[in-house]
Structures are given as structure tokens and as C-alpha cells.
C-alpha atoms as a PDB file:
ATOM      1  CA  MET A   1      -7.522  45.745   2.346  1.00  0.00           C
ATOM      2  CA  LEU A   2      -4.655  45.592   4.531  1.00  0.00           C
ATOM      3  CA  VAL A   3      -6.063  42.563   6.357  1.00  0.00           C
ATOM      4  CA  LEU A   4      -6.372  40.751   2.736  1.00  0.00           C
ATOM      5  CA  ASN A   5      -2.522  41.898   1.884  1.00  0.00           C
ATOM      6  CA  LYS A   6      -1.493  40.457   5.246  1.00  0.00           C
ATOM      7  CA  TYR A   7      -3.604  37.123   4.659  1.00  0.00           C
ATOM      8  CA  ILE A   8      -2.166  36.843   1.154  1.00  0.00           C
ATOM      9  CA  ASP A   9       1.469  37.389   2.228  1.00  0.00           C
ATOM     10  CA  ILE A  10       1.447  34.914   5.025  1.00  0.00           C
ATOM     11  CA  THR A  11      -0.018  32.180   2.818  1.00  0.00           C
ATOM     12  CA  VAL A  12       2.298  32.661   0.057  1.00  0.00           C
ATOM     13  CA  ASN A  13       5.260  32.648   2.699  1.00  0.00           C
ATOM     14  CA  PHE A  14       3.886  29.095   4.109  1.00  0.00           C
ATOM     15  CA  LYS A  15       3.370  27.555   0.506  1.00  0.00           C
ATOM     16  CA  GLU A  16       7.005  28.518  -0.285  1.00  0.00           C
ATOM     17  CA  SER A  17       8.899  25.797   1.680  1.00  0.00           C
ATOM     18  CA  HIS A  18      12.145  27.594   1.084  1.00  0.00           C
ATOM     19  CA  VAL A  19      10.920  30.421   2.997  1.00  0.00           C
ATOM     20  CA  VAL A  20      11.966  30.396   6.779  1.00  0.00           C
ATOM     21  CA  LEU A  21      10.051  32.638   9.156  1.00  0.00           C
ATOM     22  CA  SER A  22      11.753  33.635  12.202  1.00  0.00           C
ATOM     23  CA  GLU A  23      10.485  32.481  15.605  1.00  0.00           C
ATOM     24  CA  ALA A  24       9.597  35.867  16.764  1.00  0.00           C
ATOM     25  CA  ARG A  25       7.612  36.491  13.472  1.00  0.00           C
ATOM     26  CA  GLN A  26       5.830  33.032  14.120  1.00  0.00           C
ATOM     27  CA  LEU A  27       4.949  33.985  17.497  1.00  0.00           C
ATOM     28  CA  ASN A  28       3.526  37.161  16.440  1.00  0.00           C
ATOM     29  CA  ILE A  29       1.364  35.504  13.906  1.00  0.00           C
ATOM     30  CA  SER A  30       0.190  32.784  16.078  1.00  0.00           C
ATOM     31  CA  LYS A  31      -1.684  35.480  18.118  1.00  0.00           C
ATOM     32  CA  ASP A  32      -3.572  36.476  14.649  1.00  0.00           C
ATOM     33  CA  SER A  33      -7.251  36.931  15.332  1.00  0.00           C
ATOM     34  CA  ASP A  34      -7.694  35.209  11.769  1.00  0.00           C
ATOM     35  CA  VAL A  35      -8.141  31.414  12.549  1.00  0.00           C
ATOM     36  CA  PHE A  36      -7.194  30.804   8.843  1.00  0.00           C
ATOM     37  CA  VAL A  37      -3.996  32.541   9.169  1.00  0.00           C
ATOM     38  CA  ARG A  38      -3.216  30.528  12.246  1.00  0.00           C
ATOM     39  CA  CYS A  39      -4.213  27.389  10.464  1.00  0.00           C
ATOM     40  CA  TYR A  40      -1.710  28.123   7.710  1.00  0.00           C
ATOM     41  CA  LEU A  41       1.035  28.764  10.396  1.00  0.00           C
ATOM     42  CA  ALA A  42       0.252  25.344  11.801  1.00  0.00           C
ATOM     43  CA  GLU A  43       0.624  23.688   8.632  1.00  0.00           C
ATOM     44  CA  TYR A  44       4.125  25.346   8.037  1.00  0.00           C
ATOM     45  CA  ILE A  45       6.897  22.781   7.984  1.00  0.00           C
ATOM     46  CA  PHE A  46       9.187  25.252   9.720  1.00  0.00           C
ATOM     47  CA  VAL A  47       6.938  26.047  12.614  1.00  0.00           C
ATOM     48  CA  THR A  48       8.948  25.870  15.802  1.00  0.00           C
ATOM     49  CA  GLU A  49       8.309  23.718  18.698  1.00  0.00           C
ATOM     50  CA  ALA A  50       7.394  26.705  20.800  1.00  0.00           C
ATOM     51  CA  VAL A  51       4.590  27.700  18.329  1.00  0.00           C
ATOM     52  CA  GLN A  52       3.581  24.265  17.940  1.00  0.00           C
ATOM     53  CA  LEU A  53       2.766  23.957  21.733  1.00  0.00           C
ATOM     54  CA  ILE A  54       0.606  27.296  21.479  1.00  0.00           C
ATOM     55  CA  PHE A  55      -1.369  25.904  18.640  1.00  0.00           C
ATOM     56  CA  ALA A  56      -1.914  22.380  20.385  1.00  0.00           C
ATOM     57  CA  GLN A  57      -3.759  24.549  22.894  1.00  0.00           C
ATOM     58  CA  ASP A  58      -5.681  26.788  20.443  1.00  0.00           C
ATOM     59  CA  ALA A  59      -9.244  27.315  20.910  1.00  0.00           C
ATOM     60  CA  ALA A  60      -9.881  26.636  17.241  1.00  0.00           C
ATOM     61  CA  GLN A  61     -10.548  22.988  16.414  1.00  0.00           C
ATOM     62  CA  CYS A  62      -9.483  23.545  12.867  1.00  0.00           C
ATOM     63  CA  VAL A  63      -6.138  24.867  14.035  1.00  0.00           C
ATOM     64  CA  ARG A  64      -5.253  21.876  15.988  1.00  0.00           C
ATOM     65  CA  LYS A  65      -6.398  19.688  13.280  1.00  0.00           C
ATOM     66  CA  SER A  66      -4.062  21.569  10.844  1.00  0.00           C
ATOM     67  CA  LEU A  67      -1.154  21.185  13.546  1.00  0.00           C
ATOM     68  CA  ALA A  68      -2.059  17.303  13.800  1.00  0.00           C
ATOM     69  CA  GLN A  69      -1.667  16.886   9.823  1.00  0.00           C
ATOM     70  CA  ASN A  70       1.800  18.489  10.059  1.00  0.00           C
ATOM     71  CA  THR A  71       4.447  15.886   9.598  1.00  0.00           C
ATOM     72  CA  HIS A  72       7.039  17.955  11.087  1.00  0.00           C
ATOM     73  CA  ILE A  73       5.673  18.348  14.778  1.00  0.00           C
ATOM     74  CA  ALA A  74       7.754  17.389  17.785  1.00  0.00           C
ATOM     75  CA  GLU A  75       6.807  14.351  19.673  1.00  0.00           C
ATOM     76  CA  LEU A  76       6.073  16.328  22.788  1.00  0.00           C
ATOM     77  CA  VAL A  77       3.524  18.121  20.681  1.00  0.00           C
ATOM     78  CA  GLN A  78       2.171  14.753  19.402  1.00  0.00           C
ATOM     79  CA  LEU A  79       1.893  13.642  22.888  1.00  0.00           C
ATOM     80  CA  LYS A  80      -0.365  16.713  23.752  1.00  0.00           C
ATOM     81  CA  LEU A  81      -2.729  16.031  20.673  1.00  0.00           C
ATOM     82  CA  THR A  82      -3.239  12.608  21.556  1.00  0.00           C
ATOM     83  CA  ASP A  83      -5.114  13.908  24.680  1.00  0.00           C
ATOM     84  CA  ASP A  84      -7.036  16.376  22.752  1.00  0.00           C
ATOM     85  CA  ALA A  85     -10.680  16.339  23.464  1.00  0.00           C
ATOM     86  CA  GLU A  86     -11.975  16.425  19.966  1.00  0.00           C
ATOM     87  CA  GLU A  87     -11.865  13.053  18.254  1.00  0.00           C
ATOM     88  CA  GLY A  88     -11.375  14.744  14.815  1.00  0.00           C
ATOM     89  CA  VAL A  89      -8.185  16.239  16.008  1.00  0.00           C
ATOM     90  CA  ARG A  90      -6.975  12.983  17.067  1.00  0.00           C
ATOM     91  CA  GLN A  91      -8.131  10.978  14.010  1.00  0.00           C
ATOM     92  CA  ASP A  92      -5.874  13.579  11.901  1.00  0.00           C
ATOM     93  CA  LEU A  93      -2.999  12.961  14.147  1.00  0.00           C
ATOM     94  CA  ALA A  94      -3.324   8.994  13.628  1.00  0.00           C
ATOM     95  CA  LYS A  95      -3.320   9.551   9.967  1.00  0.00           C
ATOM     96  CA  ASN A  96       0.058  11.369  10.373  1.00  0.00           C
ATOM     97  CA  ALA A  97       2.848   9.319   8.595  1.00  0.00           C
ATOM     98  CA  ASN A  98       5.517  10.842  10.730  1.00  0.00           C
ATOM     99  CA  LEU A  99       4.350   9.834  14.322  1.00  0.00           C
ATOM    100  CA  THR A 100       6.832   8.166  16.858  1.00  0.00           C
ATOM    101  CA  GLU A 101       6.258   4.506  17.765  1.00  0.00           C
ATOM    102  CA  SER A 102       5.331   5.568  21.225  1.00  0.00           C
ATOM    103  CA  ILE A 103       2.650   7.976  19.965  1.00  0.00           C
ATOM    104  CA  GLN A 104       1.332   5.181  17.744  1.00  0.00           C
ATOM    105  CA  LEU A 105       1.066   2.954  20.758  1.00  0.00           C
ATOM    106  CA  LYS A 106      -0.707   5.495  22.965  1.00  0.00           C
ATOM    107  CA  LEU A 107      -3.150   6.079  20.083  1.00  0.00           C
ATOM    108  CA  MET A 108      -3.869   2.435  19.820  1.00  0.00           C
ATOM    109  CA  GLU A 109      -5.373   2.724  23.274  1.00  0.00           C
ATOM    110  CA  ASP A 110      -7.886   5.559  21.969  1.00  0.00           C
ATOM    111  CA  THR A 111     -11.522   4.634  22.268  1.00  0.00           C
ATOM    112  CA  GLY A 112     -12.603   6.660  19.349  1.00  0.00           C
ATOM    113  CA  TYR A 113     -13.458   4.398  16.347  1.00  0.00           C
ATOM    114  CA  SER A 114     -12.412   7.113  13.854  1.00  0.00           C
ATOM    115  CA  VAL A 115      -9.027   7.236  15.548  1.00  0.00           C
ATOM    116  CA  GLN A 116      -8.506   3.707  15.584  1.00  0.00           C
ATOM    117  CA  GLU A 117      -9.460   3.373  11.780  1.00  0.00           C
ATOM    118  CA  ALA A 118      -7.093   5.983  10.867  1.00  0.00           C
ATOM    119  CA  LEU A 119      -4.402   4.471  12.626  1.00  0.00           C
ATOM    120  CA  VAL A 120      -4.525   0.953  11.060  1.00  0.00           C
ATOM    121  CA  ASN A 121      -4.364   2.715   7.685  1.00  0.00           C
ATOM    122  CA  ASN A 122      -1.366   4.772   8.616  1.00  0.00           C
ATOM    123  CA  VAL A 123       1.047   3.925   5.684  1.00  0.00           C
ATOM    124  CA  ASN A 124       4.180   4.280   8.316  1.00  0.00           C
ATOM    125  CA  LEU A 125       3.237   1.923  11.343  1.00  0.00           C
ATOM    126  CA  ALA A 126       6.114   0.923  13.421  1.00  0.00           C
ATOM    127  CA  LYS A 127       6.781  -3.035  13.687  1.00  0.00           C
ATOM    128  CA  SER A 128       5.536  -3.095  17.244  1.00  0.00           C
ATOM    129  CA  VAL A 129       2.445  -1.336  16.225  1.00  0.00           C
ATOM    130  CA  GLN A 130       1.914  -3.706  13.482  1.00  0.00           C
ATOM    131  CA  LEU A 131       2.376  -6.953  15.401  1.00  0.00           C
ATOM    132  CA  VAL A 132      -0.132  -5.761  18.087  1.00  0.00           C
ATOM    133  CA  LEU A 133      -2.751  -5.013  15.328  1.00  0.00           C
ATOM    134  CA  ALA A 134      -2.095  -8.514  13.793  1.00  0.00           C
ATOM    135  CA  LYS A 135      -2.536 -10.123  17.168  1.00  0.00           C
ATOM    136  CA  GLU A 136      -5.889  -8.271  17.861  1.00  0.00           C
ATOM    137  CA  ASN A 137      -7.653  -9.287  14.719  1.00  0.00           C
ATOM    138  CA  TYR A 138      -6.801  -6.120  12.766  1.00  0.00           C
ATOM    139  CA  GLY A 139      -5.050  -8.151  10.277  1.00  0.00           C
ATOM    140  CA  SER A 140      -7.817  -7.269   7.325  1.00  0.00           C
ATOM    141  CA  ASN A 141      -7.035  -3.633   8.063  1.00  0.00           C
ATOM    142  CA  ILE A 142      -3.341  -3.578   7.508  1.00  0.00           C
ATOM    143  CA  VAL A 143      -2.772  -6.176   4.892  1.00  0.00           C
ATOM    144  CA  HIS A 144      -2.084  -3.927   2.254  1.00  0.00           C
ATOM    145  CA  LEU A 145       0.618  -1.928   4.231  1.00  0.00           C
ATOM    146  CA  THR A 146       4.270  -2.281   3.771  1.00  0.00           C
ATOM    147  CA  LEU A 147       4.780  -4.763   6.732  1.00  0.00           C
ATOM    148  CA  ALA A 148       7.544  -6.133   8.655  1.00  0.00           C
ATOM    149  CA  GLU A 149       8.321  -9.727   7.864  1.00  0.00           C
ATOM    150  CA  SER A 150       7.397 -10.963  11.161  1.00  0.00           C
ATOM    151  CA  VAL A 151       4.205  -9.304  10.832  1.00  0.00           C
ATOM    152  CA  GLN A 152       3.617 -10.884   7.270  1.00  0.00           C
ATOM    153  CA  LEU A 153       4.224 -14.312   8.511  1.00  0.00           C
ATOM    154  CA  LYS A 154       1.999 -13.832  11.390  1.00  0.00           C
ATOM    155  CA  LEU A 155      -0.770 -12.765   8.939  1.00  0.00           C
ATOM    156  CA  ALA A 156       0.185 -15.615   6.549  1.00  0.00           C
ATOM    157  CA  ASN A 157      -0.933 -18.078   9.473  1.00  0.00           C
ATOM    158  CA  ASP A 158      -4.168 -16.001  10.444  1.00  0.00           C
ATOM    159  CA  GLU A 159      -7.100 -18.208  10.949  1.00  0.00           C
ATOM    160  CA  SER A 160      -9.081 -16.277   8.396  1.00  0.00           C
ATOM    161  CA  TRP A 161      -8.462 -17.219   4.813  1.00  0.00           C
ATOM    162  CA  CYS A 162      -9.906 -13.979   3.804  1.00  0.00           C
ATOM    163  CA  VAL A 163      -6.936 -12.137   5.779  1.00  0.00           C
ATOM    164  CA  ARG A 164      -4.487 -14.472   4.067  1.00  0.00           C
ATOM    165  CA  GLU A 165      -5.908 -13.947   0.816  1.00  0.00           C
ATOM    166  CA  SER A 166      -5.763 -10.196   1.029  1.00  0.00           C
ATOM    167  CA  LEU A 167      -2.437 -10.487   2.188  1.00  0.00           C
ATOM    168  CA  ALA A 168      -1.279 -12.528  -0.825  1.00  0.00           C
ATOM    169  CA  LYS A 169      -2.072  -9.326  -2.998  1.00  0.00           C
ATOM    170  CA  ASN A 170       0.418  -7.126  -1.204  1.00  0.00           C
ATOM    171  CA  THR A 171       3.207  -6.417  -3.356  1.00  0.00           C
ATOM    172  CA  HIS A 172       5.818  -5.695  -0.752  1.00  0.00           C
ATOM    173  CA  LEU A 173       5.806  -9.454   0.645  1.00  0.00           C
ATOM    174  CA  THR A 174       9.144 -11.047   1.407  1.00  0.00           C
ATOM    175  CA  GLU A 175      10.169 -14.388  -0.103  1.00  0.00           C
ATOM    176  CA  SER A 176       9.571 -16.315   3.155  1.00  0.00           C
ATOM    177  CA  ALA A 177       5.982 -14.722   3.419  1.00  0.00           C
ATOM    178  CA  GLN A 178       5.243 -15.585  -0.373  1.00  0.00           C
ATOM    179  CA  LEU A 179       6.426 -19.247   0.046  1.00  0.00           C
ATOM    180  CA  LYS A 180       4.167 -19.661   3.151  1.00  0.00           C
ATOM    181  CA  LEU A 181       1.165 -18.294   1.174  1.00  0.00           C
ATOM    182  CA  ALA A 182       2.050 -20.579  -2.031  1.00  0.00           C
ATOM    183  CA  ASP A 183       1.659 -23.727   0.272  1.00  0.00           C
ATOM    184  CA  ASP A 184      -1.609 -22.314   1.698  1.00  0.00           C
ATOM    185  CA  ASP A 185      -4.337 -25.042   2.021  1.00  0.00           C
ATOM    186  CA  ASN A 186      -6.964 -22.736   0.426  1.00  0.00           C
ATOM    187  CA  SER A 187      -6.803 -22.310  -3.292  1.00  0.00           C
ATOM    188  CA  SER A 188      -8.309 -18.935  -3.039  1.00  0.00           C
ATOM    189  CA  VAL A 189      -5.242 -17.747  -1.330  1.00  0.00           C
ATOM    190  CA  ARG A 190      -2.761 -19.473  -3.947  1.00  0.00           C
ATOM    191  CA  THR A 191      -4.908 -17.790  -6.732  1.00  0.00           C
ATOM    192  CA  ALA A 192      -4.583 -14.267  -5.108  1.00  0.00           C
ATOM    193  CA  LEU A 193      -1.044 -14.864  -4.795  1.00  0.00           C
ATOM    194  CA  ALA A 194      -0.546 -15.936  -8.341  1.00  0.00           C
ATOM    195  CA  THR A 195      -1.776 -12.471  -9.347  1.00  0.00           C
ATOM    196  CA  ASN A 196       0.693 -10.774  -7.452  1.00  0.00           C
ATOM    197  CA  THR A 197       3.033  -8.946  -9.859  1.00  0.00           C
ATOM    198  CA  TYR A 198       6.170  -8.962  -7.355  1.00  0.00           C
ATOM    199  CA  LEU A 199       6.863 -12.574  -6.864  1.00  0.00           C
ATOM    200  CA  THR A 200      10.468 -13.918  -6.658  1.00  0.00           C
ATOM    201  CA  GLU A 201      11.537 -16.601  -9.027  1.00  0.00           C
ATOM    202  CA  SER A 202      11.390 -19.642  -6.647  1.00  0.00           C
ATOM    203  CA  VAL A 203       7.684 -18.718  -5.726  1.00  0.00           C
ATOM    204  CA  GLN A 204       6.788 -18.522  -9.433  1.00  0.00           C
ATOM    205  CA  LEU A 205       8.320 -22.070 -10.165  1.00  0.00           C
ATOM    206  CA  LYS A 206       6.387 -23.342  -7.057  1.00  0.00           C
ATOM    207  CA  LEU A 207       3.232 -22.008  -8.538  1.00  0.00           C
ATOM    208  CA  VAL A 208       3.448 -23.337 -11.848  1.00  0.00           C
ATOM    209  CA  LYS A 209       3.486 -26.885 -10.228  1.00  0.00           C
ATOM    210  CA  ASP A 210       0.274 -25.916  -8.380  1.00  0.00           C
ATOM    211  CA  ASP A 211      -2.185 -28.902  -8.440  1.00  0.00           C
ATOM    212  CA  ASN A 212      -5.100 -26.441  -8.984  1.00  0.00           C
ATOM    213  CA  LEU A 213      -6.046 -25.646 -12.586  1.00  0.00           C
ATOM    214  CA  PHE A 214      -7.524 -22.198 -11.680  1.00  0.00           C
ATOM    215  CA  VAL A 215      -4.251 -21.411  -9.733  1.00  0.00           C
ATOM    216  CA  ARG A 216      -2.111 -22.172 -12.505  1.00  0.00           C
ATOM    217  CA  SER A 217      -4.436 -20.452 -14.978  1.00  0.00           C
ATOM    218  CA  ALA A 218      -4.720 -17.240 -12.934  1.00  0.00           C
ATOM    219  CA  PHE A 219      -0.694 -17.236 -12.763  1.00  0.00           C
ATOM    220  CA  ALA A 220      -0.542 -17.677 -16.589  1.00  0.00           C
ATOM    221  CA  GLU A 221      -2.184 -14.165 -16.763  1.00  0.00           C
ATOM    222  CA  ASN A 222       0.122 -12.637 -14.551  1.00  0.00           C
ATOM    223  CA  THR A 223       2.353 -10.054 -16.784  1.00  0.00           C
ATOM    224  CA  HIS A 224       5.513 -10.197 -14.583  1.00  0.00           C
ATOM    225  CA  LEU A 225       6.396 -13.933 -15.266  1.00  0.00           C
ATOM    226  CA  THR A 226      10.172 -14.938 -15.318  1.00  0.00           C
ATOM    227  CA  GLU A 227      11.060 -16.650 -18.518  1.00  0.00           C
ATOM    228  CA  SER A 228      11.510 -19.837 -16.506  1.00  0.00           C
ATOM    229  CA  ALA A 229       7.960 -19.772 -15.169  1.00  0.00           C
ATOM    230  CA  GLN A 230       6.901 -18.907 -18.745  1.00  0.00           C
ATOM    231  CA  LEU A 231       8.601 -21.834 -20.137  1.00  0.00           C
ATOM    232  CA  LYS A 232       6.965 -24.181 -17.580  1.00  0.00           C
ATOM    233  CA  LEU A 233       3.528 -22.982 -18.125  1.00  0.00           C
ATOM    234  CA  ALA A 234       4.053 -23.410 -21.823  1.00  0.00           C
ATOM    235  CA  GLU A 235       4.373 -27.010 -21.079  1.00  0.00           C
ATOM    236  CA  ASP A 236       1.425 -27.417 -18.872  1.00  0.00           C
ATOM    237  CA  SER A 237      -0.532 -30.689 -19.496  1.00  0.00           C
ATOM    238  CA  ASN A 238      -3.953 -28.496 -19.660  1.00  0.00           C
ATOM    239  CA  GLU A 239      -4.751 -26.719 -22.594  1.00  0.00           C
ATOM    240  CA  SER A 240      -6.640 -23.983 -20.958  1.00  0.00           C
ATOM    241  CA  VAL A 241      -3.550 -23.045 -19.118  1.00  0.00           C
ATOM    242  CA  ARG A 242      -1.520 -22.647 -22.251  1.00  0.00           C
ATOM    243  CA  ARG A 243      -4.362 -20.776 -23.743  1.00  0.00           C
ATOM    244  CA  THR A 244      -4.462 -18.255 -21.108  1.00  0.00           C
ATOM    245  CA  LEU A 245      -0.526 -17.989 -21.184  1.00  0.00           C
ATOM    246  CA  ALA A 246      -0.950 -17.325 -24.950  1.00  0.00           C
ATOM    247  CA  LYS A 247      -2.974 -14.223 -24.355  1.00  0.00           C
ATOM    248  CA  ASN A 248      -0.350 -12.916 -22.057  1.00  0.00           C
ATOM    249  CA  ASN A 249       1.169  -9.840 -23.963  1.00  0.00           C
ATOM    250  CA  ASN A 250       4.554 -10.031 -22.086  1.00  0.00           C
ATOM    251  CA  LEU A 251       5.957 -13.324 -23.107  1.00  0.00           C
ATOM    252  CA  THR A 252       9.595 -13.662 -24.185  1.00  0.00           C
ATOM    253  CA  LYS A 253      10.227 -14.607 -27.841  1.00  0.00           C
ATOM    254  CA  SER A 254      11.278 -17.833 -27.091  1.00  0.00           C
ATOM    255  CA  VAL A 255       7.912 -18.903 -25.342  1.00  0.00           C
ATOM    256  CA  GLN A 256       6.029 -17.247 -28.055  1.00  0.00           C
ATOM    257  CA  LEU A 257       7.847 -19.613 -30.463  1.00  0.00           C
ATOM    258  CA  ILE A 258       7.000 -22.627 -28.423  1.00  0.00           C
ATOM    259  CA  LEU A 259       3.450 -21.574 -28.217  1.00  0.00           C
ATOM    260  CA  GLU A 260       3.315 -21.139 -32.052  1.00  0.00           C
ATOM    261  CA  GLU A 261       4.079 -24.834 -32.360  1.00  0.00           C
ATOM    262  CA  ASP A 262       1.498 -25.875 -29.770  1.00  0.00           C
ATOM    263  CA  VAL A 263      -0.767 -28.872 -30.835  1.00  0.00           C
ATOM    264  CA  ASP A 264      -3.712 -26.919 -29.707  1.00  0.00           C
ATOM    265  CA  CYS A 265      -5.285 -24.925 -32.459  1.00  0.00           C
ATOM    266  CA  ASP A 266      -6.795 -22.252 -29.963  1.00  0.00           C
ATOM    267  CA  VAL A 267      -3.358 -21.844 -28.183  1.00  0.00           C
ATOM    268  CA  ARG A 268      -1.699 -21.019 -31.740  1.00  0.00           C
ATOM    269  CA  ARG A 269      -4.623 -18.901 -32.724  1.00  0.00           C
ATOM    270  CA  LEU A 270      -4.132 -16.828 -29.586  1.00  0.00           C
ATOM    271  CA  VAL A 271      -0.484 -16.350 -29.415  1.00  0.00           C
ATOM    272  CA  PHE A 272      -0.751 -15.308 -33.171  1.00  0.00           C
ATOM    273  CA  GLY A 273      -3.718 -12.831 -32.337  1.00  0.00           C
ATOM    274  CA  VAL A 274      -1.399 -11.089 -29.709  1.00  0.00           C
ATOM    275  CA  LEU A 275       1.396 -11.075 -32.249  1.00  0.00           C
ATOM    276  CA  GLY A 276      -1.085  -9.711 -35.044  1.00  0.00           C
ATOM    277  CA  ILE A 277      -0.587 -12.721 -37.195  1.00  0.00           C
ATOM    278  CA  ASN A 278      -3.547 -14.061 -39.249  1.00  0.00           C
ATOM    279  CA  ASP A 279      -2.340 -16.857 -41.397  1.00  0.00           C
ATOM    280  CA  LYS A 280      -4.628 -19.645 -41.696  1.00  0.00           C
ATOM    281  CA  ASN A 281      -1.784 -22.075 -42.866  1.00  0.00           C
ATOM    282  CA  LEU A 282      -0.100 -21.503 -39.628  1.00  0.00           C
ATOM    283  CA  LEU A 283      -3.233 -21.619 -37.458  1.00  0.00           C
ATOM    284  CA  HIS A 284      -4.490 -24.923 -38.877  1.00  0.00           C
ATOM    285  CA  ARG A 285      -0.908 -26.781 -39.387  1.00  0.00           C
ATOM    286  CA  TYR A 286      -1.920 -29.627 -36.636  1.00  0.00           C
ATOM    287  CA  ASP A 287      -5.877 -29.768 -37.339  1.00  0.00           C
END
């Protein structure tokens, strides 16, 4: 019962982030024979560097894994964990969103596949690491991340259209990267970009003039169009683009009014359907 009470007391303390344990108490707990107690302390955000260093050499892999996942560990401790004999520990470290740039670069040299995979999916990669990954054909693995502009432009020029297509869906692209992709020779890349809900107005006005029907149709479905883009699409020479636009439930009132007067009955039918109108006289005014 005494052990159970000690365990509960410690876990409660660790989960209460405002509770700061003294280093003396942490050092005492770090010697606990119960591996779960040590794991909890290794995850504690206020664990001191001295205790971190002890846990980095703990015989229990689960303690070192817990430590590797802690986003508050010191760089020296991160460095020690990069040399851990267990790939699982290094993998957890590679997932850590608060690694220093030098540690990320060191992990790039790791031969473990799971470590490499974890690193390329880290949401907080340094710009230098992103650039190296882009150059080493890891583009398809990092296109979904928030990337530095230079990395975006590098990937926008990637020889693989699949990489460029995936990049075009990234909602954190700079305008220069968006413009580059809007000029891509591959229509699949431009179609993917057309579905992106975070496009600048200049890019949107470029896409409305795309010579590919499928690109413009995909763009007409985008629920984050500026009014200027909507107005251009409402004037599109192809009725299928206007029909797609008419189904968009995020049109401005002025664009809805234009589509209500469209010469194509299906366009009027669709826009009235979105508005919940079912007046046959309106629907067939141009028939």
C-alpha cells in the first residue's frame, strides 16, 4: 500500500505542470526501483538537466524513450540520446518537436530507417535540414510540412511531378511558390493547387485564366475564392465551369445574382438549388 501511495503521489505531481519538484527530490526519485516511476519523472517538464543525464543512461529502455519524447530536455541530453544503442530511443528523439538544429543534422546521419522516417515527419525541422532533405530526394516526405520559402521553391522545381503535386496542396505556401506552381507544365500540379484553400488573390486570378478546363473546374469548387476570382469564373466561356461554380456554397451575393441570370439553365438550376429556390419560371426563363 505504501508503494502504491508513493506511485500515485508521484504521478499526480508530474501531471500537474505547475508543481515544481526540487532537484534533490528528483534525484531521489530517479533512483526508484519502479521503472514506471522513473518513466514519469523522465516525462516531467521541469526535470533538471542533472536528472536528465542520469536518465539518458538508465538501463531501462522505456525510461530513455520517455526522456527522448520530453520536449524540454537540454541539448547535451539530446546529443547523448542520438548515440543510444536502441533504435527505438533514437526514433522517439527524432519525433521530438524541440530538437536543436545540430541534433537534427546529426540524426540525419543515423542509419536506422525508423529514425530517418521519424525525422522527415518532424513538424519543426530547421531550414538547413529541410534543404538537405529536399536535395536528397526526400521531397515527397516533407511537402506537407511548414517549409522555408527557399525549400518550397526547391521542391516546386522538383523533377517529380508527384512531389510538385503534393506540394501544391500545402496550405502554408508563400506567394512566390504558389505562382511557380501555377505555371507548372503539368496540369495535375495546377489542379492540385486549384484546390488549395490558402491561395493569394494574384494566384487565384492566374488560375481563373488557366487554359485547362479541369484546372478551372477544380478551382471553381474551392470554397475560399476571392470575389474577384468568383466574378471571373462566373464569366467563364465553358458552362461546366460555371455549373461547378454554381454549386459552390460560399459565393458572394453579387456572384449569385450573376449566375441567376446565366443563359445556361443548369447553371441557374444549380445556383437556385444552393439557395433553396425552386421556381420553374426562374429556372426556364431562357429556355
